[in-house]
Amino acid sequence: MSERRIGEEVLRLEHISLSFGGVKALTDISFNVREHEIRAIIGPNGAGKSSMLNVINGVYTPQQGEILFRGQHFREMNPHRAARMGIGRTFQSLALFKGMSVLDNIMTGRNLRMKSNILLQALRVGPADREEIEHREFVERIIDFLEIQPYRKTPVGRLPYGLQKRVDLGRALAMEPSLLLLDEPMAGMNVEEKQDMCRFVLDVNDEFGTTIVLIEHDMGVVMDISDRVVVLDYGKKIGDGEPDEVRNNEEVIRAYLGTSH
């Protein structure tokens, strides 16, 4: 992994607790994320990993706790505010527009950056037309970066799963996020597709300087690409530290890694 300068804290979660009815999804969880790092969240199924990402970008509002993002305190976030503040997100279940081309799917990630109103965009007149050209150029750079040029005009629904995941990453990158939340970016992929996605995640972090928080089940991937790892089990934090620390944590081994590791 290339040498990156990890910076100051950009995100802090303090004493986050989240319940649905009587079911506790997260209990008193605190951890932070530093500028330019890759921060992994791991744990068995049902540990609360996706719930944690949903708290960070405002899909869920915790009953207790606080979010600090770039020094600002939030009792609750919401997805639109999170996006405007530079928090991007991919989802475990692909939410792409299957009938639309790769290019048009990634263009939807530019919506927040567009200043002209919807009518002018639709008519493509004056400033809206110039703006469209600029945004399209930016999206073409993402397409080149993700090596999906041959599929630019292909409807996303026709692409293999691994390439659809790449398009999903491209749409999130089109927002130009400073913090990118990746929810199982390698789920359902074969070995070759995982290697490709690992490379892209590292390149996004390295070349764009994007801070990344990712959920991933593949422990080999997590240990290879993460700077620090937080471990959840039944909605509680049971480990937090650099990969080697976490790998050797007895509680983590019992709960998740298995003693054979």
Protein backbone atom coordinates (compact mmCIF):
# COMPACT_ATOMS: atom_id res chain seq x y z
CA MET A 1 0.00 0.00 0.00
CA SER A 2 1.39 3.41 -0.91
CA GLU A 3 2.45 5.75 1.85
CA ARG A 4 -0.39 8.15 2.57
CA ARG A 5 -0.32 10.85 5.16
CA ILE A 6 -3.16 10.16 7.58
CA GLY A 7 -4.49 13.48 8.80
CA GLU A 8 -6.59 14.80 11.66
CA GLU A 9 -9.92 13.39 12.77
CA VAL A 10 -12.75 14.20 10.32
CA LEU A 11 -15.58 12.13 11.80
CA ARG A 12 -16.37 11.13 15.37
CA LEU A 13 -19.29 9.05 16.59
CA GLU A 14 -19.94 9.40 20.30
CA HIS A 15 -22.06 6.98 22.34
CA ILE A 16 -24.36 6.05 19.45
CA SER A 17 -27.36 3.91 20.42
CA LEU A 18 -30.06 2.89 17.96
CA SER A 19 -33.17 0.77 18.57
CA PHE A 20 -36.05 -0.40 16.41
CA GLY A 21 -38.96 -1.04 18.73
CA GLY A 22 -37.45 -3.16 21.49
CA VAL A 23 -34.56 -4.40 19.37
CA LYS A 24 -31.19 -2.76 20.01
CA ALA A 25 -29.28 -2.39 16.73
CA LEU A 26 -26.40 -0.34 18.20
CA THR A 27 -25.43 0.15 21.84
CA ASP A 28 -23.15 2.96 23.05
CA ILE A 29 -20.71 2.90 20.13
CA SER A 30 -17.90 5.43 19.82
CA PHE A 31 -15.09 5.60 17.25
CA ASN A 32 -13.46 8.11 14.93
CA VAL A 33 -12.24 8.36 11.35
CA ARG A 34 -9.16 10.30 10.25
CA GLU A 35 -8.53 12.21 7.04
CA HIS A 36 -7.30 10.00 4.15
CA GLU A 37 -7.56 6.71 6.02
CA ILE A 38 -9.40 3.54 5.05
CA ARG A 39 -11.47 2.62 8.10
CA ALA A 40 -13.13 -0.80 8.06
CA ILE A 41 -16.19 -1.87 10.05
CA ILE A 42 -16.42 -5.64 10.45
CA GLY A 43 -18.53 -8.12 12.37
CA PRO A 44 -20.85 -11.11 11.90
CA ASN A 45 -24.22 -10.78 10.16
CA GLY A 46 -26.60 -8.74 12.29
CA ALA A 47 -23.75 -6.98 14.12
CA GLY A 48 -25.08 -3.52 13.19
CA LYS A 49 -22.59 -2.57 10.46
CA SER A 50 -25.05 -1.24 7.87
CA SER A 51 -27.03 0.47 10.65
CA MET A 52 -23.82 2.30 11.56
CA LEU A 53 -23.36 3.58 8.00
CA ASN A 54 -27.03 4.58 7.95
CA VAL A 55 -26.48 6.67 11.08
CA ILE A 56 -23.43 8.39 9.55
CA ASN A 57 -25.27 9.52 6.42
CA GLY A 58 -28.59 10.25 8.11
CA VAL A 59 -30.82 7.40 6.94
CA TYR A 60 -31.33 6.50 10.62
CA THR A 61 -31.43 8.89 13.58
CA PRO A 62 -29.96 7.37 16.75
CA GLN A 63 -31.93 7.68 20.01
CA GLN A 64 -28.70 8.56 21.83
CA GLY A 65 -25.32 9.91 20.88
CA GLU A 66 -23.81 12.55 18.64
CA ILE A 67 -22.03 12.83 15.31
CA LEU A 68 -19.14 15.24 14.80
CA PHE A 69 -18.20 15.85 11.17
CA ARG A 70 -15.36 18.27 10.47
CA GLY A 71 -15.86 19.91 13.85
CA GLN A 72 -19.64 20.38 13.55
CA HIS A 73 -21.90 18.65 16.06
CA PHE A 74 -25.02 16.87 14.85
CA ARG A 75 -27.65 15.29 17.03
CA GLU A 76 -29.13 13.98 13.79
CA MET A 77 -27.99 14.00 10.19
CA ASN A 78 -30.13 13.61 7.07
CA PRO A 79 -29.05 12.13 3.71
CA HIS A 80 -29.38 15.38 1.75
CA ARG A 81 -27.35 17.36 4.27
CA ALA A 82 -24.77 14.57 4.44
CA ALA A 83 -24.41 14.60 0.65
CA ARG A 84 -24.05 18.39 0.58
CA MET A 85 -21.35 18.16 3.25
CA GLY A 86 -19.38 15.69 1.13
CA ILE A 87 -20.46 12.28 2.46
CA GLY A 88 -20.98 9.82 -0.42
CA ARG A 89 -22.43 6.33 -0.16
CA THR A 90 -22.79 3.05 -2.01
CA PHE A 91 -25.35 0.45 -0.96
CA GLN A 92 -25.21 -3.30 -0.43
CA SER A 93 -28.16 -3.82 -2.78
CA LEU A 94 -27.45 -1.97 -6.01
CA ALA A 95 -29.82 0.97 -6.49
CA LEU A 96 -28.87 1.67 -10.10
CA PHE A 97 -31.22 2.63 -12.93
CA LYS A 98 -31.00 -0.65 -14.87
CA GLY A 99 -32.48 0.70 -18.12
CA MET A 100 -30.16 3.71 -18.24
CA SER A 101 -26.64 3.71 -19.66
CA VAL A 102 -23.49 3.58 -17.56
CA LEU A 103 -22.81 7.24 -18.44
CA ASP A 104 -26.30 8.40 -17.43
CA ASN A 105 -26.21 6.44 -14.17
CA ILE A 106 -22.95 8.09 -13.16
CA MET A 107 -24.30 11.49 -14.28
CA THR A 108 -27.05 11.18 -11.63
CA GLY A 109 -24.28 11.54 -9.05
CA ARG A 110 -23.65 15.07 -10.36
CA ASN A 111 -27.17 16.35 -9.55
CA LEU A 112 -26.09 18.08 -6.34
CA ARG A 113 -23.36 19.89 -8.27
CA MET A 114 -25.70 21.27 -10.93
CA LYS A 115 -26.70 24.90 -10.43
CA SER A 116 -29.23 25.35 -13.27
CA ASN A 117 -32.87 24.42 -12.63
CA ILE A 118 -34.49 21.23 -13.93
CA LEU A 119 -36.37 22.98 -16.75
CA LEU A 120 -33.17 24.55 -18.15
CA GLN A 121 -31.41 21.20 -17.79
CA ALA A 122 -34.20 19.47 -19.72
CA LEU A 123 -34.16 22.11 -22.49
CA ARG A 124 -30.33 22.19 -22.44
CA VAL A 125 -30.18 25.89 -23.19
CA GLY A 126 -27.58 28.54 -22.32
CA PRO A 127 -25.76 28.00 -19.04
CA ALA A 128 -27.44 24.60 -18.52
CA ASP A 129 -25.94 23.30 -21.75
CA ARG A 130 -22.44 24.47 -20.82
CA GLU A 131 -22.85 23.04 -17.34
CA GLU A 132 -23.99 19.69 -18.77
CA ILE A 133 -20.84 19.53 -20.94
CA GLU A 134 -18.58 20.24 -17.93
CA HIS A 135 -20.30 17.59 -15.79
CA ARG A 136 -20.15 15.09 -18.64
CA GLU A 137 -16.39 15.66 -18.95
CA PHE A 138 -15.99 14.98 -15.22
CA VAL A 139 -18.04 11.78 -15.54
CA GLU A 140 -15.95 10.66 -18.53
CA ARG A 141 -12.84 10.98 -16.34
CA ILE A 142 -14.46 8.70 -13.73
CA ILE A 143 -15.36 6.20 -16.47
CA ASP A 144 -11.72 6.19 -17.61
CA PHE A 145 -10.50 5.87 -14.02
CA LEU A 146 -12.76 2.84 -13.40
CA GLU A 147 -11.81 1.29 -16.77
CA ILE A 148 -15.39 0.96 -18.01
CA GLN A 149 -15.01 2.93 -21.27
CA PRO A 150 -16.31 0.08 -23.49
CA TYR A 151 -19.63 0.10 -21.58
CA ARG A 152 -20.33 3.87 -21.51
CA LYS A 153 -23.52 3.58 -23.59
CA THR A 154 -24.55 0.11 -22.36
CA PRO A 155 -27.69 -0.16 -20.18
CA VAL A 156 -26.46 -1.05 -16.70
CA GLY A 157 -28.89 -3.99 -16.42
CA ARG A 158 -26.97 -5.80 -19.16
CA LEU A 159 -23.62 -5.65 -17.35
CA PRO A 160 -22.22 -8.45 -15.16
CA TYR A 161 -22.58 -7.90 -11.42
CA GLY A 162 -18.94 -6.92 -10.83
CA LEU A 163 -19.16 -4.12 -13.41
CA GLN A 164 -22.48 -2.92 -11.96
CA LYS A 165 -20.71 -2.54 -8.59
CA ARG A 166 -18.06 -0.46 -10.36
CA VAL A 167 -20.77 1.79 -11.84
CA ASP A 168 -22.25 2.19 -8.35
CA LEU A 169 -18.82 3.30 -7.11
CA GLY A 170 -18.58 5.69 -10.08
CA ARG A 171 -21.91 7.30 -9.24
CA ALA A 172 -20.77 7.88 -5.64
CA LEU A 173 -17.46 9.35 -6.90
CA ALA A 174 -19.37 11.71 -9.21
CA MET A 175 -20.49 13.58 -6.07
CA GLU A 176 -16.81 14.31 -5.33
CA PRO A 177 -17.19 13.14 -1.72
CA SER A 178 -14.51 13.84 0.85
CA LEU A 179 -15.82 10.89 2.90
CA LEU A 180 -17.02 7.78 1.06
CA LEU A 181 -19.08 5.06 2.77
CA LEU A 182 -18.85 1.68 1.02
CA ASP A 183 -21.35 -0.98 2.09
CA GLU A 184 -19.84 -4.35 1.13
CA PRO A 185 -18.31 -3.18 -2.17
CA MET A 186 -17.01 -6.71 -2.90
CA ALA A 187 -20.03 -8.79 -1.89
CA GLY A 188 -20.95 -11.44 -4.45
CA MET A 189 -17.75 -10.99 -6.48
CA ASN A 190 -15.34 -13.62 -7.71
CA VAL A 191 -11.63 -13.44 -6.81
CA GLU A 192 -10.64 -11.44 -9.90
CA GLU A 193 -13.46 -8.92 -9.44
CA LYS A 194 -12.50 -8.49 -5.77
CA GLN A 195 -8.89 -7.80 -6.73
CA ASP A 196 -10.05 -5.16 -9.22
CA MET A 197 -12.34 -3.51 -6.67
CA CYS A 198 -9.59 -3.51 -4.02
CA ARG A 199 -7.33 -1.71 -6.48
CA PHE A 200 -9.99 0.89 -7.23
CA VAL A 201 -10.72 1.48 -3.53
CA LEU A 202 -7.00 2.00 -2.85
CA ASP A 203 -6.67 4.27 -5.90
CA VAL A 204 -9.69 6.38 -4.85
CA ASN A 205 -8.11 6.78 -1.44
CA ASP A 206 -4.64 7.48 -2.83
CA GLU A 207 -5.26 9.55 -5.99
CA PHE A 208 -8.40 11.45 -4.95
CA GLY A 209 -7.41 11.69 -1.27
CA THR A 210 -10.86 10.40 -0.33
CA THR A 211 -11.40 9.17 3.23
CA ILE A 212 -13.13 5.77 3.13
CA VAL A 213 -15.27 3.88 5.64
CA LEU A 214 -16.09 0.41 4.39
CA ILE A 215 -18.00 -2.66 5.51
CA GLU A 216 -16.52 -5.89 4.21
CA HIS A 217 -16.86 -9.59 5.09
CA ASP A 218 -13.69 -10.78 3.38
CA MET A 219 -11.12 -10.67 6.16
CA GLY A 220 -8.19 -10.94 3.78
CA VAL A 221 -9.36 -7.78 2.01
CA VAL A 222 -9.95 -5.94 5.29
CA MET A 223 -6.52 -6.79 6.68
CA ASP A 224 -4.80 -5.88 3.41
CA ILE A 225 -6.31 -2.48 2.65
CA SER A 226 -7.46 -0.99 5.98
CA ASP A 227 -5.54 1.43 8.17
CA ARG A 228 -7.76 0.76 11.19
CA VAL A 229 -10.62 -1.62 11.91
CA VAL A 230 -13.59 -1.33 14.27
CA VAL A 231 -15.34 -4.60 15.19
CA LEU A 232 -19.04 -4.87 16.08
CA ASP A 233 -20.88 -7.86 17.54
CA TYR A 234 -24.59 -7.80 18.43
CA GLY A 235 -24.55 -4.01 18.07
CA LYS A 236 -21.67 -3.50 20.52
CA LYS A 237 -18.06 -2.54 19.84
CA ILE A 238 -15.68 -5.34 20.79
CA GLY A 239 -12.49 -4.23 19.05
CA ASP A 240 -10.84 -1.17 17.53
CA GLY A 241 -7.34 -0.66 16.21
CA GLU A 242 -4.87 -1.46 13.46
CA PRO A 243 -5.44 -4.73 11.56
CA ASP A 244 -2.80 -6.70 13.50
CA GLU A 245 -4.21 -5.56 16.85
CA VAL A 246 -7.71 -6.62 15.82
CA ARG A 247 -6.48 -9.90 14.36
CA ASN A 248 -4.92 -10.81 17.72
CA ASN A 249 -7.80 -9.59 19.92
CA GLU A 250 -9.17 -12.63 21.79
CA GLU A 251 -12.74 -11.31 21.92
CA VAL A 252 -12.71 -10.66 18.17
CA ILE A 253 -11.29 -14.12 17.48
CA ARG A 254 -14.06 -15.71 19.52
CA ALA A 255 -16.85 -13.63 18.03
CA TYR A 256 -15.88 -13.45 14.42
CA LEU A 257 -12.56 -14.68 13.11
CA GLY A 258 -12.79 -18.17 14.55
CA THR A 259 -9.98 -19.77 16.57
CA SER A 260 -8.52 -21.40 13.47
CA HIS A 261 -7.36 -17.93 12.33
